[in-house]
Structures are given as structure tokens and as C-alpha cells.
């Protein structure tokens, strides 16, 4: 007896659950702090759409489960990069503080410590 293959239903954009490139662009723009309507206008051709239609479509797309999932994933990636950047900044300031302490440059050391604590 042969193997049974399961086929998932496709939508016109590809596999079920896939996002179009424009939907992915909308999500990227939202994560980069664009407003929903501005993101929608940049991601989609809206020349002939009314402001009401753009607002409505942007709101609906922002609630799409797959778009929400991508937005959360992109935000988590951005947060991870921000944390890494802060950690690296702290490392560099610590190294600089150690150097200033070895040189006896106390005023510069105090300034660096203030930046580390601020």
C-alpha cells in the first residue's frame, strides 16, 4: 500500500497562511513606527481608493492573524537587536572606565560611571 499525502488548501497567494509581499511590507512598516494608514498606502497601490477605504483596509489588515504574528516576530527581533546594542554599549563603557581608572583620570571615570548608571 502506498503513502498517503496530505494536501493543504492554497489561496491565490500561495500556501494557506502565507502572506503576500505587500502584506509583509505593511507589517515591516508598522514595526518601523509607521501609522496603519501610511503603512497601507506605502505597501499597496491606493491612488484610486478613498481615505475611508484605506483606513478600513489598513485596520482590517492590521487585525489579520498572520500579519499580527509577523509584526510580533519582527518586533521581537528588533527588541533583541536593541538589547544587544545596549549590552555592547555597557561593555564599551566598562572598558573605557577601566582604562581611565588605570590612568588615574578620575573626572573622566566619574563621567563614564554616571553614563553607566544613567
N, C-alpha and C. Protein backbone atom coordinates (compact mmCIF):
# COMPACT_ATOMS: atom_id res chain seq x y z
N UNK A 1 0.84 -1.17 0.00
CA UNK A 1 0.00 0.00 0.00
C UNK A 1 0.89 1.25 0.00
N UNK A 2 0.54 2.27 -0.81
CA UNK A 2 1.34 3.47 -0.93
C UNK A 2 1.13 4.45 0.20
N UNK A 3 1.98 5.47 0.23
CA UNK A 3 1.86 6.51 1.26
C UNK A 3 0.70 7.43 0.94
N UNK A 4 0.11 8.00 1.97
CA UNK A 4 -0.96 8.97 1.80
C UNK A 4 -0.34 10.35 1.95
N UNK A 5 -0.57 11.20 0.96
CA UNK A 5 -0.06 12.57 1.01
C UNK A 5 -1.20 13.50 1.41
N UNK A 6 -0.90 14.42 2.29
CA UNK A 6 -1.89 15.41 2.70
C UNK A 6 -1.62 16.70 1.95
N UNK A 7 -2.65 17.25 1.39
CA UNK A 7 -2.52 18.49 0.62
C UNK A 7 -3.25 19.59 1.38
N UNK A 8 -2.56 20.71 1.60
CA UNK A 8 -3.22 21.83 2.27
C UNK A 8 -3.86 22.71 1.21
N UNK A 9 -4.95 23.29 1.58
CA UNK A 9 -5.66 24.17 0.67
C UNK A 9 -4.83 25.43 0.43
N UNK A 10 -4.75 25.87 -0.81
CA UNK A 10 -3.98 27.06 -1.15
C UNK A 10 -4.91 28.25 -1.36
N UNK A 11 -4.38 29.42 -1.11
CA UNK A 11 -5.11 30.61 -1.52
C UNK A 11 -4.45 31.14 -2.78
N UNK A 12 -4.95 32.22 -3.33
CA UNK A 12 -4.39 32.70 -4.59
C UNK A 12 -2.98 33.27 -4.45
N UNK A 13 -2.49 33.41 -3.21
CA UNK A 13 -1.16 33.96 -2.98
C UNK A 13 -0.13 32.88 -2.67
N UNK A 14 -0.53 31.65 -2.59
CA UNK A 14 0.40 30.57 -2.24
C UNK A 14 -0.25 29.66 -1.22
N UNK A 15 0.55 29.06 -0.39
CA UNK A 15 0.01 28.16 0.64
C UNK A 15 -0.89 28.91 1.60
N UNK A 16 -1.82 28.18 2.17
CA UNK A 16 -2.72 28.77 3.14
C UNK A 16 -1.90 29.34 4.30
N UNK A 17 -2.16 30.56 4.68
CA UNK A 17 -1.44 31.17 5.78
C UNK A 17 -0.26 32.03 5.34
N UNK A 18 0.16 31.90 4.07
CA UNK A 18 1.26 32.72 3.59
C UNK A 18 0.81 34.16 3.41
N UNK A 19 1.73 35.08 3.55
CA UNK A 19 1.44 36.49 3.32
C UNK A 19 2.01 36.90 1.98
N UNK A 20 1.36 37.85 1.35
CA UNK A 20 1.91 38.40 0.12
C UNK A 20 3.07 39.31 0.47
N UNK A 21 3.85 39.68 -0.52
CA UNK A 21 4.96 40.60 -0.29
C UNK A 21 4.44 41.95 0.23
N UNK A 22 3.31 42.39 -0.27
CA UNK A 22 2.73 43.67 0.17
C UNK A 22 2.28 43.58 1.63
N UNK A 23 1.71 42.46 2.02
CA UNK A 23 1.31 42.29 3.41
C UNK A 23 2.53 42.27 4.32
N UNK A 24 3.60 41.61 3.87
CA UNK A 24 4.85 41.61 4.66
C UNK A 24 5.43 43.01 4.76
N UNK A 25 5.35 43.77 3.67
CA UNK A 25 5.84 45.15 3.69
C UNK A 25 5.02 46.00 4.66
N UNK A 26 3.70 45.81 4.66
CA UNK A 26 2.83 46.50 5.61
C UNK A 26 3.28 46.22 7.04
N UNK A 27 3.55 44.95 7.35
CA UNK A 27 3.98 44.57 8.71
C UNK A 27 5.32 45.23 9.04
N UNK A 28 6.26 45.22 8.09
CA UNK A 28 7.57 45.85 8.32
C UNK A 28 7.41 47.35 8.60
N UNK A 29 6.53 47.99 7.86
CA UNK A 29 6.32 49.43 8.06
C UNK A 29 5.68 49.71 9.42
N UNK A 30 4.75 48.87 9.84
CA UNK A 30 4.14 49.03 11.17
C UNK A 30 5.20 48.93 12.25
N UNK A 31 6.10 47.96 12.12
CA UNK A 31 7.16 47.77 13.12
C UNK A 31 8.12 48.96 13.12
N UNK A 32 8.28 49.61 11.97
CA UNK A 32 9.17 50.77 11.90
C UNK A 32 8.47 52.06 12.32
N UNK A 33 7.35 51.91 13.06
CA UNK A 33 6.60 53.03 13.67
C UNK A 33 5.81 53.87 12.69
N UNK A 34 5.46 53.31 11.54
CA UNK A 34 4.54 53.99 10.63
C UNK A 34 3.12 53.77 11.12
N UNK A 35 2.25 54.71 10.89
CA UNK A 35 0.83 54.53 11.21
C UNK A 35 0.22 53.53 10.24
N UNK A 36 -0.90 52.94 10.63
CA UNK A 36 -1.53 51.92 9.79
C UNK A 36 -1.87 52.44 8.40
N UNK A 37 -2.49 53.61 8.32
CA UNK A 37 -2.90 54.13 7.00
C UNK A 37 -1.68 54.45 6.14
N UNK A 38 -0.65 55.04 6.74
CA UNK A 38 0.57 55.35 5.99
C UNK A 38 1.24 54.06 5.52
N UNK A 39 1.27 53.06 6.37
CA UNK A 39 1.86 51.77 6.00
C UNK A 39 1.10 51.15 4.85
N UNK A 40 -0.23 51.21 4.93
CA UNK A 40 -1.06 50.63 3.88
C UNK A 40 -0.83 51.34 2.55
N UNK A 41 -0.79 52.68 2.60
CA UNK A 41 -0.56 53.45 1.36
C UNK A 41 0.80 53.13 0.73
N UNK A 42 1.82 52.94 1.56
CA UNK A 42 3.15 52.65 1.04
C UNK A 42 3.25 51.22 0.49
N UNK A 43 2.53 50.31 1.10
CA UNK A 43 2.63 48.90 0.71
C UNK A 43 1.71 48.56 -0.47
N UNK A 44 0.61 49.27 -0.62
CA UNK A 44 -0.38 48.96 -1.64
C UNK A 44 -0.63 50.16 -2.54
N UNK A 45 -1.10 49.91 -3.74
CA UNK A 45 -1.47 50.98 -4.67
C UNK A 45 -2.81 51.54 -4.24
N UNK A 46 -2.82 52.76 -3.75
CA UNK A 46 -4.05 53.34 -3.20
C UNK A 46 -4.48 54.59 -3.96
N UNK A 47 -3.99 54.79 -5.16
CA UNK A 47 -4.29 56.02 -5.90
C UNK A 47 -5.78 56.25 -6.10
N UNK A 48 -6.53 55.18 -6.31
CA UNK A 48 -7.95 55.34 -6.60
C UNK A 48 -8.84 54.97 -5.42
N UNK A 49 -8.28 54.84 -4.23
CA UNK A 49 -9.07 54.48 -3.05
C UNK A 49 -9.32 55.72 -2.20
N UNK A 50 -10.51 55.76 -1.62
CA UNK A 50 -10.85 56.87 -0.73
C UNK A 50 -10.11 56.70 0.59
N UNK A 51 -10.04 57.78 1.33
CA UNK A 51 -9.39 57.75 2.64
C UNK A 51 -10.11 56.76 3.56
N UNK A 52 -11.41 56.71 3.46
CA UNK A 52 -12.20 55.78 4.27
C UNK A 52 -11.85 54.33 3.92
N UNK A 53 -11.71 54.05 2.64
CA UNK A 53 -11.36 52.69 2.21
C UNK A 53 -9.96 52.31 2.68
N UNK A 54 -9.02 53.26 2.58
CA UNK A 54 -7.65 52.99 3.02
C UNK A 54 -7.64 52.71 4.52
N UNK A 55 -8.33 53.54 5.30
CA UNK A 55 -8.39 53.34 6.76
C UNK A 55 -8.99 51.99 7.10
N UNK A 56 -10.08 51.66 6.43
CA UNK A 56 -10.78 50.40 6.68
C UNK A 56 -9.90 49.20 6.33
N UNK A 57 -9.27 49.25 5.16
CA UNK A 57 -8.40 48.15 4.72
C UNK A 57 -7.18 48.01 5.62
N UNK A 58 -6.61 49.14 6.02
CA UNK A 58 -5.43 49.11 6.90
C UNK A 58 -5.79 48.50 8.25
N UNK A 59 -6.94 48.89 8.78
CA UNK A 59 -7.38 48.36 10.06
C UNK A 59 -7.64 46.86 9.97
N UNK A 60 -8.29 46.42 8.91
CA UNK A 60 -8.59 45.01 8.73
C UNK A 60 -7.29 44.21 8.60
N UNK A 61 -6.34 44.73 7.81
CA UNK A 61 -5.08 44.03 7.61
C UNK A 61 -4.28 43.96 8.91
N UNK A 62 -4.34 45.01 9.71
CA UNK A 62 -3.61 45.03 10.98
C UNK A 62 -4.17 44.02 11.98
N UNK A 63 -5.40 43.57 11.76
CA UNK A 63 -6.00 42.55 12.63
C UNK A 63 -5.86 41.14 12.07
N UNK A 64 -5.35 41.02 10.84
CA UNK A 64 -5.17 39.71 10.22
C UNK A 64 -4.21 38.89 11.09
N UNK A 65 -4.61 37.67 11.43
CA UNK A 65 -3.83 36.84 12.37
C UNK A 65 -2.40 36.61 11.89
N UNK A 66 -2.22 36.38 10.60
CA UNK A 66 -0.87 36.14 10.08
C UNK A 66 -0.02 37.41 10.08
N UNK A 67 -0.67 38.55 9.82
CA UNK A 67 0.05 39.83 9.87
C UNK A 67 0.45 40.14 11.31
N UNK A 68 -0.48 39.93 12.24
CA UNK A 68 -0.18 40.16 13.66
C UNK A 68 0.98 39.28 14.10
N UNK A 69 0.98 38.03 13.68
CA UNK A 69 2.07 37.10 14.02
C UNK A 69 3.42 37.61 13.49
N UNK A 70 3.43 38.09 12.24
CA UNK A 70 4.67 38.62 11.67
C UNK A 70 5.11 39.88 12.38
N UNK A 71 4.17 40.77 12.71
CA UNK A 71 4.51 42.00 13.43
C UNK A 71 5.17 41.66 14.77
N UNK A 72 4.59 40.72 15.50
CA UNK A 72 5.17 40.31 16.79
C UNK A 72 6.56 39.73 16.61
N UNK A 73 6.74 38.93 15.57
CA UNK A 73 8.06 38.33 15.30
C UNK A 73 9.09 39.42 14.97
N UNK A 74 8.71 40.37 14.13
CA UNK A 74 9.62 41.45 13.75
C UNK A 74 9.94 42.35 14.95
N UNK A 75 8.94 42.61 15.80
CA UNK A 75 9.18 43.42 16.99
C UNK A 75 10.13 42.71 17.95
N UNK A 76 9.98 41.40 18.09
CA UNK A 76 10.87 40.63 18.96
C UNK A 76 12.30 40.69 18.43
N UNK A 77 12.45 40.59 17.11
CA UNK A 77 13.79 40.69 16.52
C UNK A 77 14.39 42.07 16.76
N UNK A 78 13.58 43.10 16.60
CA UNK A 78 14.06 44.48 16.82
C UNK A 78 14.44 44.68 18.28
N UNK A 79 13.64 44.14 19.20
CA UNK A 79 13.94 44.25 20.63
C UNK A 79 15.24 43.52 20.95
N UNK A 80 15.45 42.38 20.35
CA UNK A 80 16.67 41.60 20.57
C UNK A 80 17.90 42.39 20.13
N UNK A 81 17.81 43.03 18.98
CA UNK A 81 18.92 43.84 18.48
C UNK A 81 19.17 45.01 19.41
N UNK A 82 18.10 45.65 19.91
CA UNK A 82 18.25 46.79 20.82
C UNK A 82 18.93 46.37 22.11
N UNK A 83 18.57 45.21 22.64
CA UNK A 83 19.19 44.71 23.86
C UNK A 83 20.66 44.43 23.62
N UNK A 84 20.98 43.82 22.50
CA UNK A 84 22.38 43.54 22.18
C UNK A 84 23.16 44.85 22.08
N UNK A 85 22.56 45.86 21.50
CA UNK A 85 23.23 47.15 21.35
C UNK A 85 23.49 47.78 22.72
N UNK A 86 22.51 47.72 23.63
CA UNK A 86 22.69 48.26 24.98
C UNK A 86 23.78 47.50 25.72
N UNK A 87 23.77 46.18 25.58
CA UNK A 87 24.79 45.37 26.25
C UNK A 87 26.18 45.72 25.73
N UNK A 88 26.29 45.88 24.42
CA UNK A 88 27.59 46.24 23.83
C UNK A 88 28.04 47.62 24.32
N UNK A 89 27.09 48.56 24.42
CA UNK A 89 27.41 49.90 24.90
C UNK A 89 27.95 49.83 26.32
N UNK A 90 27.31 49.00 27.17
CA UNK A 90 27.76 48.85 28.54
C UNK A 90 29.17 48.25 28.59
N UNK A 91 29.42 47.27 27.73
CA UNK A 91 30.76 46.66 27.68
C UNK A 91 31.82 47.70 27.32
N UNK A 92 31.51 48.50 26.29
CA UNK A 92 32.47 49.51 25.85
C UNK A 92 32.72 50.56 26.94
N UNK A 93 31.65 50.99 27.61
CA UNK A 93 31.81 51.97 28.68
C UNK A 93 32.62 51.38 29.85
N UNK A 94 32.38 50.10 30.16
CA UNK A 94 33.16 49.45 31.22
C UNK A 94 34.64 49.41 30.87
N UNK A 95 34.93 49.05 29.61
CA UNK A 95 36.33 49.01 29.16
C UNK A 95 36.97 50.40 29.25
N UNK A 96 36.21 51.40 28.83
CA UNK A 96 36.72 52.78 28.89
C UNK A 96 36.94 53.20 30.34
N UNK A 97 36.03 52.84 31.22
CA UNK A 97 36.17 53.19 32.64
C UNK A 97 37.41 52.55 33.23
N UNK A 98 37.65 51.29 32.90
CA UNK A 98 38.85 50.61 33.40
C UNK A 98 40.12 51.32 32.94
N UNK A 99 40.12 51.75 31.67
CA UNK A 99 41.28 52.47 31.14
C UNK A 99 41.51 53.79 31.85
N UNK A 100 40.43 54.52 32.10
CA UNK A 100 40.55 55.81 32.79
C UNK A 100 41.01 55.62 34.23
N UNK A 101 40.55 54.54 34.88
CA UNK A 101 40.96 54.26 36.26
C UNK A 101 42.45 53.95 36.30
N UNK A 102 42.95 53.19 35.34
CA UNK A 102 44.38 52.85 35.28
C UNK A 102 45.23 54.10 35.06
N UNK A 103 44.71 55.05 34.27
CA UNK A 103 45.44 56.29 34.00
C UNK A 103 45.28 57.31 35.12
N UNK A 104 44.35 57.05 36.04
CA UNK A 104 44.13 57.99 37.14
C UNK A 104 43.34 59.21 36.72
N UNK A 105 42.62 59.11 35.63
CA UNK A 105 41.81 60.22 35.13
C UNK A 105 40.43 60.15 35.80
N UNK A 106 40.36 60.65 37.05
CA UNK A 106 39.18 60.46 37.88
C UNK A 106 37.96 61.21 37.39
N UNK A 107 38.15 62.41 36.84
CA UNK A 107 36.99 63.17 36.36
C UNK A 107 36.33 62.45 35.18
N UNK A 108 37.14 61.88 34.29
CA UNK A 108 36.59 61.13 33.16
C UNK A 108 35.95 59.83 33.63
N UNK A 109 36.55 59.21 34.62
CA UNK A 109 35.99 57.98 35.19
C UNK A 109 34.61 58.26 35.80
N UNK A 110 34.49 59.35 36.53
CA UNK A 110 33.20 59.72 37.13
C UNK A 110 32.15 59.97 36.05
N UNK A 111 32.56 60.64 34.97
CA UNK A 111 31.63 60.90 33.86
C UNK A 111 31.14 59.58 33.26
N UNK A 112 32.04 58.63 33.06
CA UNK A 112 31.68 57.33 32.48
C UNK A 112 30.77 56.55 33.44
N UNK A 113 31.09 56.58 34.72
CA UNK A 113 30.26 55.89 35.70
C UNK A 113 28.85 56.50 35.72
N UNK A 114 28.77 57.81 35.61
CA UNK A 114 27.45 58.47 35.53
C UNK A 114 26.68 58.00 34.31
N UNK A 115 27.37 57.82 33.19
CA UNK A 115 26.69 57.33 31.97
C UNK A 115 26.25 55.88 32.16
N UNK A 116 27.06 55.09 32.84
CA UNK A 116 26.69 53.69 33.09
C UNK A 116 25.47 53.59 33.99
N UNK A 117 25.38 54.49 34.96
CA UNK A 117 24.26 54.46 35.91
C UNK A 117 23.05 55.22 35.42
N UNK A 118 23.21 56.00 34.37
CA UNK A 118 22.10 56.82 33.89
C UNK A 118 21.28 56.17 32.91
